[in-house]
């Protein structure tokens, strides 16, 4: 298991976990781009959005629902937040495991950070 996010999901790499269940895990980003910067990953390994097929699309909706709940619990739901996903190298994806960023806590610009 060489994927860092798979290792975080398995608990072999420590992280500041905010939510976890059998489908997803959410943790604080180690290089935050905003006061609130949470990474949400599916436990099942998908390299990027291109790997999502059939029944897996329901998992994406579930991840969005977790992100909105985290936005509420972090106190940024009313002021506003961003949910972002980068897919592929030219899309800005750095880690080869599908993941979503929840960012907020300040005025966000047109860029990810």
PDB file of N, CA and C in Angstrom:
ATOM      1  N   UNK A   1       0.853  -1.178   0.000  1.00  0.00           N
ATOM      2  CA  UNK A   1       0.000   0.000   0.000  1.00  0.00           C
ATOM      3  C   UNK A   1       0.899   1.242   0.000  1.00  0.00           C
ATOM      4  N   UNK A   2       1.206   1.745  -1.187  1.00  0.00           N
ATOM      5  CA  UNK A   2       2.092   2.893  -1.290  1.00  0.00           C
ATOM      6  C   UNK A   2       1.337   4.222  -1.316  1.00  0.00           C
ATOM      7  N   UNK A   3       0.038   4.198  -1.476  1.00  0.00           N
ATOM      8  CA  UNK A   3      -0.762   5.425  -1.528  1.00  0.00           C
ATOM      9  C   UNK A   3      -0.874   6.029  -0.128  1.00  0.00           C
ATOM     10  N   UNK A   4      -0.434   7.269   0.002  1.00  0.00           N
ATOM     11  CA  UNK A   4      -0.449   7.921   1.318  1.00  0.00           C
ATOM     12  C   UNK A   4      -1.871   8.056   1.864  1.00  0.00           C
ATOM     13  N   UNK A   5      -2.851   8.324   0.992  1.00  0.00           N
ATOM     14  CA  UNK A   5      -4.219   8.459   1.480  1.00  0.00           C
ATOM     15  C   UNK A   5      -4.807   7.108   1.870  1.00  0.00           C
ATOM     16  N   UNK A   6      -4.430   6.043   1.186  1.00  0.00           N
ATOM     17  CA  UNK A   6      -4.864   4.701   1.607  1.00  0.00           C
ATOM     18  C   UNK A   6      -4.285   4.384   2.981  1.00  0.00           C
ATOM     19  N   UNK A   7      -3.035   4.814   3.208  1.00  0.00           N
ATOM     20  CA  UNK A   7      -2.401   4.582   4.506  1.00  0.00           C
ATOM     21  C   UNK A   7      -3.077   5.393   5.605  1.00  0.00           C
ATOM     22  N   UNK A   8      -3.446   6.624   5.308  1.00  0.00           N
ATOM     23  CA  UNK A   8      -4.186   7.433   6.282  1.00  0.00           C
ATOM     24  C   UNK A   8      -5.528   6.767   6.574  1.00  0.00           C
ATOM     25  N   UNK A   9      -6.209   6.314   5.531  1.00  0.00           N
ATOM     26  CA  UNK A   9      -7.497   5.640   5.701  1.00  0.00           C
ATOM     27  C   UNK A   9      -7.389   4.381   6.541  1.00  0.00           C
ATOM     28  N   UNK A  10      -6.254   3.676   6.409  1.00  0.00           N
ATOM     29  CA  UNK A  10      -6.035   2.452   7.181  1.00  0.00           C
ATOM     30  C   UNK A  10      -5.531   2.736   8.594  1.00  0.00           C
ATOM     31  N   UNK A  11      -5.186   4.004   8.870  1.00  0.00           N
ATOM     32  CA  UNK A  11      -4.707   4.366  10.196  1.00  0.00           C
ATOM     33  C   UNK A  11      -3.228   4.121  10.417  1.00  0.00           C
ATOM     34  N   UNK A  12      -2.486   3.800   9.357  1.00  0.00           N
ATOM     35  CA  UNK A  12      -1.049   3.565   9.529  1.00  0.00           C
ATOM     36  C   UNK A  12      -0.232   4.848   9.495  1.00  0.00           C
ATOM     37  N   UNK A  13      -0.819   5.920   8.969  1.00  0.00           N
ATOM     38  CA  UNK A  13      -0.215   7.252   9.031  1.00  0.00           C
ATOM     39  C   UNK A  13      -1.150   8.112   9.861  1.00  0.00           C
ATOM     40  N   UNK A  14      -0.632   8.718  10.925  1.00  0.00           N
ATOM     41  CA  UNK A  14      -1.507   9.533  11.774  1.00  0.00           C
ATOM     42  C   UNK A  14      -2.002  10.789  11.054  1.00  0.00           C
ATOM     43  N   UNK A  15      -3.195  11.204  11.408  1.00  0.00           N
ATOM     44  CA  UNK A  15      -3.775  12.433  10.874  1.00  0.00           C
ATOM     45  C   UNK A  15      -4.782  12.966  11.888  1.00  0.00           C
ATOM     46  N   UNK A  16      -5.167  14.210  11.702  1.00  0.00           N
ATOM     47  CA  UNK A  16      -6.162  14.825  12.579  1.00  0.00           C
ATOM     48  C   UNK A  16      -7.547  14.543  11.994  1.00  0.00           C
ATOM     49  N   UNK A  17      -8.052  13.366  12.323  1.00  0.00           N
ATOM     50  CA  UNK A  17      -9.313  12.892  11.765  1.00  0.00           C
ATOM     51  C   UNK A  17     -10.490  13.641  12.381  1.00  0.00           C
ATOM     52  N   UNK A  18     -11.383  14.112  11.518  1.00  0.00           N
ATOM     53  CA  UNK A  18     -12.588  14.817  11.951  1.00  0.00           C
ATOM     54  C   UNK A  18     -13.839  13.970  11.765  1.00  0.00           C
ATOM     55  N   UNK A  19     -13.771  13.035  10.831  1.00  0.00           N
ATOM     56  CA  UNK A  19     -14.903  12.146  10.552  1.00  0.00           C
ATOM     57  C   UNK A  19     -14.364  10.882   9.901  1.00  0.00           C
ATOM     58  N   UNK A  20     -14.956   9.757  10.281  1.00  0.00           N
ATOM     59  CA  UNK A  20     -14.642   8.517   9.571  1.00  0.00           C
ATOM     60  C   UNK A  20     -15.780   7.540   9.744  1.00  0.00           C
ATOM     61  N   UNK A  21     -15.991   6.764   8.711  1.00  0.00           N
ATOM     62  CA  UNK A  21     -16.915   5.643   8.740  1.00  0.00           C
ATOM     63  C   UNK A  21     -16.380   4.604   7.771  1.00  0.00           C
ATOM     64  N   UNK A  22     -17.198   3.662   7.377  1.00  0.00           N
ATOM     65  CA  UNK A  22     -16.701   2.592   6.509  1.00  0.00           C
ATOM     66  C   UNK A  22     -16.522   3.038   5.056  1.00  0.00           C
ATOM     67  N   UNK A  23     -17.016   4.228   4.692  1.00  0.00           N
ATOM     68  CA  UNK A  23     -16.921   4.711   3.309  1.00  0.00           C
ATOM     69  C   UNK A  23     -15.883   5.800   3.105  1.00  0.00           C
ATOM     70  N   UNK A  24     -15.768   6.723   4.070  1.00  0.00           N
ATOM     71  CA  UNK A  24     -14.900   7.889   3.894  1.00  0.00           C
ATOM     72  C   UNK A  24     -14.154   8.216   5.181  1.00  0.00           C
ATOM     73  N   UNK A  25     -13.134   9.040   5.020  1.00  0.00           N
ATOM     74  CA  UNK A  25     -12.433   9.604   6.164  1.00  0.00           C
ATOM     75  C   UNK A  25     -12.126  11.062   5.824  1.00  0.00           C
ATOM     76  N   UNK A  26     -12.273  11.939   6.806  1.00  0.00           N
ATOM     77  CA  UNK A  26     -12.002  13.364   6.625  1.00  0.00           C
ATOM     78  C   UNK A  26     -10.988  13.793   7.671  1.00  0.00           C
ATOM     79  N   UNK A  27      -9.991  14.560   7.228  1.00  0.00           N
ATOM     80  CA  UNK A  27      -8.921  14.972   8.128  1.00  0.00           C
ATOM     81  C   UNK A  27      -8.411  16.353   7.718  1.00  0.00           C
ATOM     82  N   UNK A  28      -7.741  17.007   8.641  1.00  0.00           N
ATOM     83  CA  UNK A  28      -7.182  18.331   8.369  1.00  0.00           C
ATOM     84  C   UNK A  28      -5.998  18.207   7.414  1.00  0.00           C
ATOM     85  N   UNK A  29      -5.933  19.121   6.454  1.00  0.00           N
ATOM     86  CA  UNK A  29      -4.823  19.149   5.502  1.00  0.00           C
ATOM     87  C   UNK A  29      -3.546  19.570   6.228  1.00  0.00           C
ATOM     88  N   UNK A  30      -2.425  18.912   5.916  1.00  0.00           N
ATOM     89  CA  UNK A  30      -1.163  19.254   6.593  1.00  0.00           C
ATOM     90  C   UNK A  30      -0.547  20.535   6.041  1.00  0.00           C
ATOM     91  N   UNK A  31      -1.045  21.018   4.912  1.00  0.00           N
ATOM     92  CA  UNK A  31      -0.574  22.268   4.325  1.00  0.00           C
ATOM     93  C   UNK A  31      -1.790  23.132   3.982  1.00  0.00           C
ATOM     94  N   UNK A  32      -2.467  23.644   5.015  1.00  0.00           N
ATOM     95  CA  UNK A  32      -3.748  24.324   4.775  1.00  0.00           C
ATOM     96  C   UNK A  32      -3.614  25.574   3.914  1.00  0.00           C
ATOM     97  N   UNK A  33      -4.572  25.726   3.007  1.00  0.00           N
ATOM     98  CA  UNK A  33      -4.636  26.885   2.130  1.00  0.00           C
ATOM     99  C   UNK A  33      -5.687  27.895   2.606  1.00  0.00           C
ATOM    100  N   UNK A  34      -6.343  27.593   3.711  1.00  0.00           N
ATOM    101  CA  UNK A  34      -7.369  28.455   4.300  1.00  0.00           C
ATOM    102  C   UNK A  34      -7.466  28.073   5.779  1.00  0.00           C
ATOM    103  N   UNK A  35      -8.069  28.934   6.611  1.00  0.00           N
ATOM    104  CA  UNK A  35      -8.207  28.594   8.030  1.00  0.00           C
ATOM    105  C   UNK A  35      -8.881  27.246   8.257  1.00  0.00           C
ATOM    106  N   UNK A  36      -9.861  26.916   7.434  1.00  0.00           N
ATOM    107  CA  UNK A  36     -10.452  25.581   7.460  1.00  0.00           C
ATOM    108  C   UNK A  36     -10.059  24.914   6.147  1.00  0.00           C
ATOM    109  N   UNK A  37      -9.312  23.830   6.240  1.00  0.00           N
ATOM    110  CA  UNK A  37      -8.919  23.066   5.045  1.00  0.00           C
ATOM    111  C   UNK A  37      -8.932  21.600   5.433  1.00  0.00           C
ATOM    112  N   UNK A  38      -9.978  20.934   5.004  1.00  0.00           N
ATOM    113  CA  UNK A  38     -10.205  19.526   5.332  1.00  0.00           C
ATOM    114  C   UNK A  38     -10.151  18.712   4.047  1.00  0.00           C
ATOM    115  N   UNK A  39      -9.495  17.571   4.110  1.00  0.00           N
ATOM    116  CA  UNK A  39      -9.437  16.643   2.984  1.00  0.00           C
ATOM    117  C   UNK A  39     -10.404  15.496   3.275  1.00  0.00           C
ATOM    118  N   UNK A  40     -11.218  15.167   2.299  1.00  0.00           N
ATOM    119  CA  UNK A  40     -12.188  14.070   2.433  1.00  0.00           C
ATOM    120  C   UNK A  40     -11.864  13.049   1.350  1.00  0.00           C
ATOM    121  N   UNK A  41     -11.631  11.813   1.779  1.00  0.00           N
ATOM    122  CA  UNK A  41     -11.262  10.771   0.821  1.00  0.00           C
ATOM    123  C   UNK A  41     -12.195   9.573   0.943  1.00  0.00           C
ATOM    124  N   UNK A  42     -12.464   8.918  -0.180  1.00  0.00           N
ATOM    125  CA  UNK A  42     -13.138   7.626  -0.069  1.00  0.00           C
ATOM    126  C   UNK A  42     -12.126   6.599   0.420  1.00  0.00           C
ATOM    127  N   UNK A  43     -12.567   5.671   1.228  1.00  0.00           N
ATOM    128  CA  UNK A  43     -11.660   4.602   1.685  1.00  0.00           C
ATOM    129  C   UNK A  43     -11.263   3.704   0.510  1.00  0.00           C
ATOM    130  N   UNK A  44     -12.201   3.496  -0.417  1.00  0.00           N
ATOM    131  CA  UNK A  44     -11.894   2.729  -1.614  1.00  0.00           C
ATOM    132  C   UNK A  44     -10.982   3.569  -2.499  1.00  0.00           C
ATOM    133  N   UNK A  45      -9.946   2.957  -3.038  1.00  0.00           N
ATOM    134  CA  UNK A  45      -8.993   3.705  -3.859  1.00  0.00           C
ATOM    135  C   UNK A  45      -9.540   3.931  -5.260  1.00  0.00           C
ATOM    136  N   UNK A  46      -9.652   5.195  -5.606  1.00  0.00           N
ATOM    137  CA  UNK A  46      -9.911   5.645  -6.964  1.00  0.00           C
ATOM    138  C   UNK A  46      -8.769   6.602  -7.285  1.00  0.00           C
ATOM    139  N   UNK A  47      -8.144   6.459  -8.431  1.00  0.00           N
ATOM    140  CA  UNK A  47      -7.041   7.352  -8.763  1.00  0.00           C
ATOM    141  C   UNK A  47      -7.534   8.779  -8.942  1.00  0.00           C
ATOM    142  N   UNK A  48      -8.624   8.955  -9.684  1.00  0.00           N
ATOM    143  CA  UNK A  48      -9.191  10.288  -9.899  1.00  0.00           C
ATOM    144  C   UNK A  48     -10.655  10.128 -10.324  1.00  0.00           C
ATOM    145  N   UNK A  49     -11.277  11.203 -10.732  1.00  0.00           N
ATOM    146  CA  UNK A  49     -12.690  11.153 -11.094  1.00  0.00           C
ATOM    147  C   UNK A  49     -12.982  10.202 -12.250  1.00  0.00           C
ATOM    148  N   UNK A  50     -12.007   9.973 -13.113  1.00  0.00           N
ATOM    149  CA  UNK A  50     -12.217   9.076 -14.255  1.00  0.00           C
ATOM    150  C   UNK A  50     -12.476   7.638 -13.831  1.00  0.00           C
ATOM    151  N   UNK A  51     -12.087   7.278 -12.615  1.00  0.00           N
ATOM    152  CA  UNK A  51     -12.310   5.919 -12.111  1.00  0.00           C
ATOM    153  C   UNK A  51     -13.726   5.692 -11.602  1.00  0.00           C
ATOM    154  N   UNK A  52     -14.512   6.743 -11.448  1.00  0.00           N
ATOM    155  CA  UNK A  52     -15.858   6.618 -10.896  1.00  0.00           C
ATOM    156  C   UNK A  52     -16.797   6.089 -11.976  1.00  0.00           C
ATOM    157  N   UNK A  53     -17.458   5.011 -11.645  1.00  0.00           N
ATOM    158  CA  UNK A  53     -18.372   4.382 -12.601  1.00  0.00           C
ATOM    159  C   UNK A  53     -19.589   3.834 -11.856  1.00  0.00           C
ATOM    160  N   UNK A  54     -20.718   3.762 -12.530  1.00  0.00           N
ATOM    161  CA  UNK A  54     -21.914   3.097 -12.010  1.00  0.00           C
ATOM    162  C   UNK A  54     -22.304   3.488 -10.601  1.00  0.00           C
ATOM    163  N   UNK A  55     -22.388   2.488  -9.743  1.00  0.00           N
ATOM    164  CA  UNK A  55     -22.842   2.690  -8.365  1.00  0.00           C
ATOM    165  C   UNK A  55     -21.916   3.589  -7.550  1.00  0.00           C
ATOM    166  N   UNK A  56     -20.671   3.762  -7.991  1.00  0.00           N
ATOM    167  CA  UNK A  56     -19.733   4.604  -7.245  1.00  0.00           C
ATOM    168  C   UNK A  56     -20.133   6.076  -7.245  1.00  0.00           C
ATOM    169  N   UNK A  57     -20.979   6.499  -8.192  1.00  0.00           N
ATOM    170  CA  UNK A  57     -21.404   7.896  -8.207  1.00  0.00           C
ATOM    171  C   UNK A  57     -22.178   8.253  -6.941  1.00  0.00           C
ATOM    172  N   UNK A  58     -22.841   7.298  -6.336  1.00  0.00           N
ATOM    173  CA  UNK A  58     -23.527   7.554  -5.069  1.00  0.00           C
ATOM    174  C   UNK A  58     -22.549   7.930  -3.963  1.00  0.00           C
ATOM    175  N   UNK A  59     -21.348   7.406  -4.036  1.00  0.00           N
ATOM    176  CA  UNK A  59     -20.312   7.744  -3.058  1.00  0.00           C
ATOM    177  C   UNK A  59     -19.925   9.218  -3.158  1.00  0.00           C
ATOM    178  N   UNK A  60     -19.920   9.754  -4.363  1.00  0.00           N
ATOM    179  CA  UNK A  60     -19.596  11.173  -4.547  1.00  0.00           C
ATOM    180  C   UNK A  60     -20.643  12.040  -3.855  1.00  0.00           C
ATOM    181  N   UNK A  61     -21.907  11.709  -4.025  1.00  0.00           N
ATOM    182  CA  UNK A  61     -22.978  12.447  -3.350  1.00  0.00           C
ATOM    183  C   UNK A  61     -22.815  12.335  -1.837  1.00  0.00           C
ATOM    184  N   UNK A  62     -22.447  11.166  -1.365  1.00  0.00           N
ATOM    185  CA  UNK A  62     -22.240  10.969   0.070  1.00  0.00           C
ATOM    186  C   UNK A  62     -21.091  11.846   0.572  1.00  0.00           C
ATOM    187  N   UNK A  63     -20.007  11.915  -0.190  1.00  0.00           N
ATOM    188  CA  UNK A  63     -18.869  12.757   0.199  1.00  0.00           C
ATOM    189  C   UNK A  63     -19.287  14.218   0.282  1.00  0.00           C
ATOM    190  N   UNK A  64     -20.089  14.679  -0.661  1.00  0.00           N
ATOM    191  CA  UNK A  64     -20.576  16.065  -0.622  1.00  0.00           C
ATOM    192  C   UNK A  64     -21.431  16.288   0.621  1.00  0.00           C
ATOM    193  N   UNK A  65     -22.260  15.313   0.982  1.00  0.00           N
ATOM    194  CA  UNK A  65     -23.083  15.465   2.185  1.00  0.00           C
ATOM    195  C   UNK A  65     -22.211  15.534   3.438  1.00  0.00           C
ATOM    196  N   UNK A  66     -21.138  14.764   3.490  1.00  0.00           N
ATOM    197  CA  UNK A  66     -20.212  14.823   4.625  1.00  0.00           C
ATOM    198  C   UNK A  66     -19.529  16.187   4.655  1.00  0.00           C
ATOM    199  N   UNK A  67     -19.133  16.685   3.486  1.00  0.00           N
ATOM    200  CA  UNK A  67     -18.486  18.000   3.412  1.00  0.00           C
ATOM    201  C   UNK A  67     -19.402  19.097   3.939  1.00  0.00           C
ATOM    202  N   UNK A  68     -20.687  19.058   3.584  1.00  0.00           N
ATOM    203  CA  UNK A  68     -21.606  20.096   4.073  1.00  0.00           C
ATOM    204  C   UNK A  68     -21.809  19.987   5.581  1.00  0.00           C
ATOM    205  N   UNK A  69     -21.841  18.772   6.107  1.00  0.00           N
ATOM    206  CA  UNK A  69     -21.941  18.597   7.565  1.00  0.00           C
ATOM    207  C   UNK A  69     -20.684  19.130   8.259  1.00  0.00           C
ATOM    208  N   UNK A  70     -19.525  18.869   7.689  1.00  0.00           N
ATOM    209  CA  UNK A  70     -18.280  19.389   8.266  1.00  0.00           C
ATOM    210  C   UNK A  70     -18.248  20.917   8.203  1.00  0.00           C
ATOM    211  N   UNK A  71     -18.758  21.491   7.120  1.00  0.00           N
ATOM    212  CA  UNK A  71     -18.825  22.954   7.019  1.00  0.00           C
ATOM    213  C   UNK A  71     -19.676  23.516   8.150  1.00  0.00           C
ATOM    214  N   UNK A  72     -20.788  22.858   8.463  1.00  0.00           N
ATOM    215  CA  UNK A  72     -21.625  23.302   9.583  1.00  0.00           C
ATOM    216  C   UNK A  72     -20.864  23.189  10.905  1.00  0.00           C
ATOM    217  N   UNK A  73     -20.230  22.043  11.123  1.00  0.00           N
ATOM    218  CA  UNK A  73     -19.545  21.831  12.407  1.00  0.00           C
ATOM    219  C   UNK A  73     -18.321  22.724  12.564  1.00  0.00           C
ATOM    220  N   UNK A  74     -17.730  23.157  11.448  1.00  0.00           N
ATOM    221  CA  UNK A  74     -16.569  24.055  11.500  1.00  0.00           C
ATOM    222  C   UNK A  74     -16.985  25.525  11.544  1.00  0.00           C
ATOM    223  N   UNK A  75     -18.283  25.795  11.463  1.00  0.00           N
ATOM    224  CA  UNK A  75     -18.788  27.165  11.555  1.00  0.00           C
ATOM    225  C   UNK A  75     -18.617  27.991  10.295  1.00  0.00           C
ATOM    226  N   UNK A  76     -18.497  27.351   9.141  1.00  0.00           N
ATOM    227  CA  UNK A  76     -18.310  28.105   7.898  1.00  0.00           C
ATOM    228  C   UNK A  76     -19.483  27.953   6.921  1.00  0.00           C
ATOM    229  N   UNK A  77     -20.507  27.231   7.329  1.00  0.00           N
ATOM    230  CA  UNK A  77     -21.629  26.972   6.412  1.00  0.00           C
ATOM    231  C   UNK A  77     -22.333  28.258   5.998  1.00  0.00           C
ATOM    232  N   UNK A  78     -22.553  29.151   6.921  1.00  0.00           N
ATOM    233  CA  UNK A  78     -23.297  30.377   6.618  1.00  0.00           C
ATOM    234  C   UNK A  78     -22.450  31.403   5.884  1.00  0.00           C
ATOM    235  N   UNK A  79     -21.170  31.524   6.238  1.00  0.00           N
ATOM    236  CA  UNK A  79     -20.314  32.526   5.603  1.00  0.00           C
ATOM    237  C   UNK A  79     -19.859  32.091   4.216  1.00  0.00           C
ATOM    238  N   UNK A  80     -19.785  30.792   3.979  1.00  0.00           N
ATOM    239  CA  UNK A  80     -19.421  30.276   2.661  1.00  0.00           C
ATOM    240  C   UNK A  80     -18.182  29.412   2.697  1.00  0.00           C
ATOM    241  N   UNK A  81     -18.101  28.513   1.753  1.00  0.00           N
ATOM    242  CA  UNK A  81     -16.989  27.568   1.675  1.00  0.00           C
ATOM    243  C   UNK A  81     -16.885  27.042   0.260  1.00  0.00           C
ATOM    244  N   UNK A  82     -15.816  26.340   0.003  1.00  0.00           N
ATOM    245  CA  UNK A  82     -15.585  25.732  -1.308  1.00  0.00           C
ATOM    246  C   UNK A  82     -15.331  24.251  -1.130  1.00  0.00           C
ATOM    247  N   UNK A  83     -15.909  23.453  -2.013  1.00  0.00           N
ATOM    248  CA  UNK A  83     -15.584  22.035  -2.118  1.00  0.00           C
ATOM    249  C   UNK A  83     -14.911  21.880  -3.473  1.00  0.00           C
ATOM    250  N   UNK A  84     -13.658  21.415  -3.462  1.00  0.00           N
ATOM    251  CA  UNK A  84     -12.893  21.314  -4.702  1.00  0.00           C
ATOM    252  C   UNK A  84     -12.326  19.914  -4.869  1.00  0.00           C
ATOM    253  N   UNK A  85     -12.247  19.500  -6.121  1.00  0.00           N
ATOM    254  CA  UNK A  85     -11.588  18.240  -6.448  1.00  0.00           C
ATOM    255  C   UNK A  85     -10.732  18.480  -7.687  1.00  0.00           C
ATOM    256  N   UNK A  86      -9.491  18.074  -7.618  1.00  0.00           N
ATOM    257  CA  UNK A  86      -8.581  18.154  -8.753  1.00  0.00           C
ATOM    258  C   UNK A  86      -8.473  16.750  -9.335  1.00  0.00           C
ATOM    259  N   UNK A  87      -8.543  16.646 -10.649  1.00  0.00           N
ATOM    260  CA  UNK A  87      -8.507  15.334 -11.281  1.00  0.00           C
ATOM    261  C   UNK A  87      -7.436  15.302 -12.359  1.00  0.00           C
ATOM    262  N   UNK A  88      -6.411  14.509 -12.137  1.00  0.00           N
ATOM    263  CA  UNK A  88      -5.321  14.370 -13.094  1.00  0.00           C
ATOM    264  C   UNK A  88      -4.256  15.442 -12.924  1.00  0.00           C
ATOM    265  N   UNK A  89      -3.104  15.177 -13.485  1.00  0.00           N
ATOM    266  CA  UNK A  89      -1.936  16.063 -13.336  1.00  0.00           C
ATOM    267  C   UNK A  89      -2.232  17.502 -13.771  1.00  0.00           C
ATOM    268  N   UNK A  90      -2.793  17.670 -14.961  1.00  0.00           N
ATOM    269  CA  UNK A  90      -3.062  19.021 -15.438  1.00  0.00           C
ATOM    270  C   UNK A  90      -4.225  19.678 -14.717  1.00  0.00           C
ATOM    271  N   UNK A  91      -5.001  18.887 -13.986  1.00  0.00           N
ATOM    272  CA  UNK A  91      -6.062  19.427 -13.152  1.00  0.00           C
ATOM    273  C   UNK A  91      -5.562  19.839 -11.781  1.00  0.00           C
ATOM    274  N   UNK A  92      -4.265  19.642 -11.540  1.00  0.00           N
ATOM    275  CA  UNK A  92      -3.673  20.048 -10.277  1.00  0.00           C
ATOM    276  C   UNK A  92      -3.661  18.968  -9.210  1.00  0.00           C
ATOM    277  N   UNK A  93      -4.011  17.731  -9.568  1.00  0.00           N
ATOM    278  CA  UNK A  93      -4.020  16.648  -8.588  1.00  0.00           C
ATOM    279  C   UNK A  93      -2.587  16.259  -8.245  1.00  0.00           C
ATOM    280  N   UNK A  94      -2.270  16.257  -6.956  1.00  0.00           N
ATOM    281  CA  UNK A  94      -0.921  15.932  -6.490  1.00  0.00           C
ATOM    282  C   UNK A  94      -0.840  14.499  -5.972  1.00  0.00           C
ATOM    283  N   UNK A  95      -1.837  14.078  -5.210  1.00  0.00           N
ATOM    284  CA  UNK A  95      -1.871  12.716  -4.664  1.00  0.00           C
ATOM    285  C   UNK A  95      -2.789  11.875  -5.545  1.00  0.00           C
ATOM    286  N   UNK A  96      -2.308  10.717  -5.980  1.00  0.00           N
ATOM    287  CA  UNK A  96      -3.055   9.851  -6.883  1.00  0.00           C
ATOM    288  C   UNK A  96      -4.120   9.022  -6.202  1.00  0.00           C
ATOM    289  N   UNK A  97      -4.942   9.672  -5.405  1.00  0.00           N
ATOM    290  CA  UNK A  97      -6.104   9.063  -4.754  1.00  0.00           C
ATOM    291  C   UNK A  97      -7.174  10.137  -4.753  1.00  0.00           C
ATOM    292  N   UNK A  98      -8.329   9.838  -5.319  1.00  0.00           N
ATOM    293  CA  UNK A  98      -9.413  10.811  -5.388  1.00  0.00           C
ATOM    294  C   UNK A  98      -9.647  11.433  -4.019  1.00  0.00           C
ATOM    295  N   UNK A  99      -9.688  12.757  -3.971  1.00  0.00           N
ATOM    296  CA  UNK A  99      -9.946  13.438  -2.710  1.00  0.00           C
ATOM    297  C   UNK A  99     -10.605  14.789  -2.973  1.00  0.00           C
ATOM    298  N   UNK A 100     -11.309  15.245  -1.962  1.00  0.00           N
ATOM    299  CA  UNK A 100     -12.057  16.492  -2.019  1.00  0.00           C
ATOM    300  C   UNK A 100     -11.511  17.429  -0.953  1.00  0.00           C
ATOM    301  N   UNK A 101     -11.415  18.703  -1.289  1.00  0.00           N
ATOM    302  CA  UNK A 101     -10.965  19.720  -0.340  1.00  0.00           C
ATOM    303  C   UNK A 101     -12.175  20.538   0.104  1.00  0.00           C
ATOM    304  N   UNK A 102     -12.306  20.720   1.400  1.00  0.00           N
ATOM    305  CA  UNK A 102     -13.284  21.646   1.963  1.00  0.00           C
ATOM    306  C   UNK A 102     -12.489  22.818   2.507  1.00  0.00           C
ATOM    307  N   UNK A 103     -12.715  23.999   1.928  1.00  0.00           N
ATOM    308  CA  UNK A 103     -11.967  25.196   2.317  1.00  0.00           C
ATOM    309  C   UNK A 103     -12.925  26.307   2.733  1.00  0.00           C
ATOM    310  N   UNK A 104     -12.516  27.068   3.742  1.00  0.00           N
ATOM    311  CA  UNK A 104     -13.320  28.203   4.180  1.00  0.00           C
ATOM    312  C   UNK A 104     -12.659  28.911   5.344  1.00  0.00           C
ATOM    313  N   UNK A 105     -13.399  29.828   5.916  1.00  0.00           N
ATOM    314  CA  UNK A 105     -12.890  30.579   7.052  1.00  0.00           C
ATOM    315  C   UNK A 105     -12.271  31.909   6.677  1.00  0.00           C
ATOM    316  N   UNK A 106     -12.289  32.245   5.403  1.00  0.00           N
ATOM    317  CA  UNK A 106     -11.826  33.542   4.901  1.00  0.00           C
ATOM    318  C   UNK A 106     -12.408  33.743   3.513  1.00  0.00           C
ATOM    319  N   UNK A 107     -12.272  34.963   2.989  1.00  0.00           N
ATOM    320  CA  UNK A 107     -12.709  35.218   1.629  1.00  0.00           C
ATOM    321  C   UNK A 107     -11.802  34.456   0.675  1.00  0.00           C
ATOM    322  N   UNK A 108     -12.359  33.540  -0.083  1.00  0.00           N
ATOM    323  CA  UNK A 108     -11.585  32.771  -1.045  1.00  0.00           C
ATOM    324  C   UNK A 108     -11.523  33.505  -2.374  1.00  0.00           C
ATOM    325  N   UNK A 109     -10.430  33.321  -3.089  1.00  0.00           N
ATOM    326  CA  UNK A 109     -10.240  33.958  -4.404  1.00  0.00           C
ATOM    327  C   UNK A 109     -10.623  32.966  -5.486  1.00  0.00           C
ATOM    328  N   UNK A 110     -10.359  33.329  -6.725  1.00  0.00           N
ATOM    329  CA  UNK A 110     -10.659  32.459  -7.854  1.00  0.00           C
ATOM    330  C   UNK A 110      -9.777  31.214  -7.906  1.00  0.00           C
ATOM    331  N   UNK A 111      -8.635  31.238  -7.234  1.00  0.00           N
ATOM    332  CA  UNK A 111      -7.748  30.081  -7.193  1.00  0.00           C
ATOM    333  C   UNK A 111      -8.146  29.179  -6.040  1.00  0.00           C
ATOM    334  N   UNK A 112      -7.609  27.955  -6.009  1.00  0.00           N
ATOM    335  CA  UNK A 112      -7.945  27.002  -4.960  1.00  0.00           C
ATOM    336  C   UNK A 112      -7.685  27.590  -3.582  1.00  0.00           C
ATOM    337  N   UNK A 113      -6.602  28.243  -3.395  1.00  0.00           N
ATOM    338  CA  UNK A 113      -6.266  28.796  -2.082  1.00  0.00           C
ATOM    339  C   UNK A 113      -6.747  30.178  -1.969  1.00  0.00           C
TER     340      UNK A 113
END
